[in-house]
Amino acid sequence: MRYMNREHGFTIVEAVVAALLMVAVFFAVLTVYGHGMAIWSSGERRADVQDNLRIGMDRLTRELRQAEKLASTTDSSRLVFTDAGGDTVEYSVYNGNQLTRTVGGEVYLVASNVTGLSLTYKPYGMGDVVNNRYVDIVLTGQAAGIDPVTLKTTTQIRAR
């Protein structure tokens, strides 16, 4: 019988090294995938907060532009005004994470993930005739695992 001088195949050392390399590549890919999913999830939460802030800001500024009269309040986290129909409307942050609108004792949820509402009234006019016709509005929102998001605008009350 004739023996072959050349044998084909892998040695056990080569097979173990190949398996270890495959495991290392698998864990590297899994780690990158996990980080990518965490970043994607954080971006989704941030986008949700921004959407809620935009909805709240849009509703608040739209109603405020048509307001007949601003109520004087010392609390810069509440906005109280009289609308064109004569109803008193109040916007405030409830329970630390919800922007609410109160009309006639009824409380309505406007937006969630809203952690702060700040208002600054700007006087307009000269001499004895000074009206608070401009309002700087700052809405702040936050969800778990993301930095706070802030929206700012200045609104003019047009119906006065």
Protein backbone atom coordinates (compact mmCIF):
# COMPACT_ATOMS: atom_id res chain seq x y z
CA MET A 1 0.00 0.00 0.00
CA ARG A 2 1.03 3.36 -0.74
CA TYR A 3 0.68 6.14 1.87
CA MET A 4 0.03 9.68 0.89
CA ASN A 5 2.66 12.09 1.97
CA ARG A 6 0.26 14.97 1.91
CA GLU A 7 -2.74 14.92 4.18
CA HIS A 8 -5.61 17.34 3.60
CA GLY A 9 -7.63 19.15 6.31
CA PHE A 10 -7.14 21.40 9.32
CA THR A 11 -5.27 20.66 12.47
CA ILE A 12 -7.07 21.04 15.78
CA VAL A 13 -5.07 24.20 16.52
CA GLU A 14 -6.19 25.81 13.26
CA ALA A 15 -9.82 24.91 13.94
CA VAL A 16 -9.69 26.36 17.49
CA VAL A 17 -8.05 29.59 16.27
CA ALA A 18 -10.70 29.99 13.53
CA ALA A 19 -13.50 29.39 16.05
CA LEU A 20 -12.03 31.95 18.47
CA LEU A 21 -11.74 34.52 15.68
CA MET A 22 -15.35 33.94 14.68
CA VAL A 23 -16.50 34.35 18.30
CA ALA A 24 -14.48 37.58 18.65
CA VAL A 25 -15.98 39.00 15.43
CA PHE A 26 -19.48 37.97 16.57
CA PHE A 27 -19.10 39.76 19.92
CA ALA A 28 -17.67 42.87 18.22
CA VAL A 29 -20.65 43.00 15.83
CA LEU A 30 -23.06 42.40 18.71
CA THR A 31 -21.49 45.24 20.74
CA VAL A 32 -21.70 47.68 17.83
CA TYR A 33 -25.32 46.64 17.24
CA GLY A 34 -26.18 47.16 20.92
CA HIS A 35 -24.66 50.65 20.93
CA GLY A 36 -26.48 51.50 17.71
CA MET A 37 -29.81 50.38 19.17
CA ALA A 38 -29.20 52.46 22.31
CA ILE A 39 -28.45 55.56 20.22
CA TRP A 40 -31.49 54.93 18.02
CA SER A 41 -33.74 54.51 21.07
CA SER A 42 -32.40 57.72 22.61
CA GLY A 43 -33.04 59.56 19.34
CA GLU A 44 -36.60 58.25 19.24
CA ARG A 45 -37.26 59.47 22.80
CA ARG A 46 -35.75 62.87 21.95
CA ALA A 47 -37.93 63.13 18.83
CA ASP A 48 -41.04 62.25 20.89
CA VAL A 49 -40.21 64.99 23.41
CA GLN A 50 -39.63 67.52 20.60
CA ASP A 51 -42.94 66.58 18.96
CA ASN A 52 -44.80 67.02 22.25
CA LEU A 53 -43.15 70.39 22.85
CA ARG A 54 -44.03 71.55 19.33
CA ILE A 55 -47.66 70.48 19.79
CA GLY A 56 -47.87 72.29 23.12
CA MET A 57 -46.12 75.42 21.85
CA ASP A 58 -48.31 75.57 18.74
CA ARG A 59 -51.54 75.27 20.71
CA LEU A 60 -50.45 77.75 23.37
CA THR A 61 -49.19 80.42 20.96
CA ARG A 62 -52.19 80.07 18.62
CA GLU A 63 -54.62 80.71 21.48
CA LEU A 64 -52.48 83.42 23.05
CA ARG A 65 -52.34 85.41 19.80
CA GLN A 66 -56.13 85.72 19.90
CA ALA A 67 -56.33 86.53 23.62
CA GLU A 68 -58.33 89.53 24.69
CA LYS A 69 -56.54 90.15 27.97
CA LEU A 70 -53.59 88.75 29.90
CA ALA A 71 -54.18 88.19 33.59
CA SER A 72 -51.49 89.54 35.85
CA THR A 73 -49.77 86.74 37.66
CA THR A 74 -46.59 86.63 39.67
CA ASP A 75 -46.06 82.98 38.81
CA SER A 76 -43.90 82.77 35.67
CA SER A 77 -44.82 79.11 35.20
CA ARG A 78 -48.52 79.79 34.61
CA LEU A 79 -50.16 81.59 31.74
CA VAL A 80 -53.64 82.97 32.37
CA PHE A 81 -55.60 84.95 29.81
CA THR A 82 -59.12 85.71 28.64
CA ASP A 83 -59.90 84.32 25.19
CA ALA A 84 -62.10 85.90 22.51
CA GLY A 85 -65.17 84.10 23.89
CA GLY A 86 -64.68 85.60 27.36
CA ASP A 87 -63.46 82.34 28.98
CA THR A 88 -60.50 82.34 31.34
CA VAL A 89 -57.83 79.98 30.03
CA GLU A 90 -54.86 78.77 32.05
CA TYR A 91 -51.82 76.87 30.81
CA SER A 92 -49.52 75.25 33.37
CA VAL A 93 -47.29 72.23 33.95
CA TYR A 94 -49.09 69.57 35.97
CA ASN A 95 -47.43 66.76 37.87
CA GLY A 96 -44.00 67.79 36.60
CA ASN A 97 -44.41 66.33 33.12
CA GLN A 98 -47.69 67.42 31.49
CA LEU A 99 -48.71 70.70 29.91
CA THR A 100 -52.37 71.26 30.77
CA ARG A 101 -55.02 73.71 29.63
CA THR A 102 -57.78 74.63 32.08
CA VAL A 103 -61.02 76.25 30.90
CA GLY A 104 -64.11 76.55 33.09
CA GLY A 105 -62.75 74.13 35.67
CA GLU A 106 -62.10 71.41 33.07
CA VAL A 107 -58.45 70.31 32.74
CA TYR A 108 -57.23 69.09 29.35
CA LEU A 109 -53.89 67.46 28.58
CA VAL A 110 -52.10 69.35 25.81
CA ALA A 111 -48.70 67.63 25.76
CA SER A 112 -46.73 65.15 27.82
CA ASN A 113 -43.00 65.05 28.71
CA VAL A 114 -43.17 68.81 29.40
CA THR A 115 -41.15 69.57 32.52
CA GLY A 116 -41.17 73.36 32.49
CA LEU A 117 -43.07 76.41 31.29
CA SER A 118 -41.48 79.82 31.66
CA LEU A 119 -43.01 83.13 30.64
CA THR A 120 -41.61 86.61 30.39
CA TYR A 121 -43.95 89.50 29.65
CA LYS A 122 -42.59 92.35 27.56
CA PRO A 123 -44.18 95.76 27.87
CA TYR A 124 -45.17 97.58 24.71
CA GLY A 125 -46.06 101.25 24.47
CA MET A 126 -44.95 104.63 25.77
CA GLY A 127 -45.76 106.81 28.72
CA ASP A 128 -48.79 105.81 30.73
CA VAL A 129 -50.15 103.48 28.04
CA VAL A 130 -48.12 100.31 28.47
CA ASN A 131 -49.58 96.94 27.56
CA ASN A 132 -48.08 93.49 27.91
CA ARG A 133 -48.53 92.58 24.25
CA TYR A 134 -45.49 90.36 23.86
CA VAL A 135 -44.79 87.16 25.76
CA ASP A 136 -41.57 85.13 25.65
CA ILE A 137 -42.48 81.46 26.08
CA VAL A 138 -40.00 78.74 26.96
CA LEU A 139 -41.11 75.10 27.09
CA THR A 140 -38.73 72.48 28.43
CA GLY A 141 -39.20 68.76 28.12
CA GLN A 142 -37.34 65.62 29.05
CA ALA A 143 -37.74 61.85 28.92
CA ALA A 144 -35.74 59.10 30.59
CA GLY A 145 -32.18 58.84 29.33
CA ILE A 146 -32.00 62.08 27.31
CA ASP A 147 -30.91 65.63 27.97
CA PRO A 148 -33.57 68.32 28.39
CA VAL A 149 -35.01 69.80 25.19
CA THR A 150 -36.01 73.48 25.06
CA LEU A 151 -38.26 75.40 22.67
CA LYS A 152 -38.48 79.20 22.77
CA THR A 153 -40.69 81.71 21.01
CA THR A 154 -42.04 85.23 21.36
CA THR A 155 -45.72 85.78 20.71
CA GLN A 156 -47.63 88.98 20.15
CA ILE A 157 -51.19 89.24 21.39
CA ARG A 158 -52.99 90.54 18.31
CA ALA A 159 -56.59 90.90 19.44
CA ARG A 160 -56.02 93.77 21.85
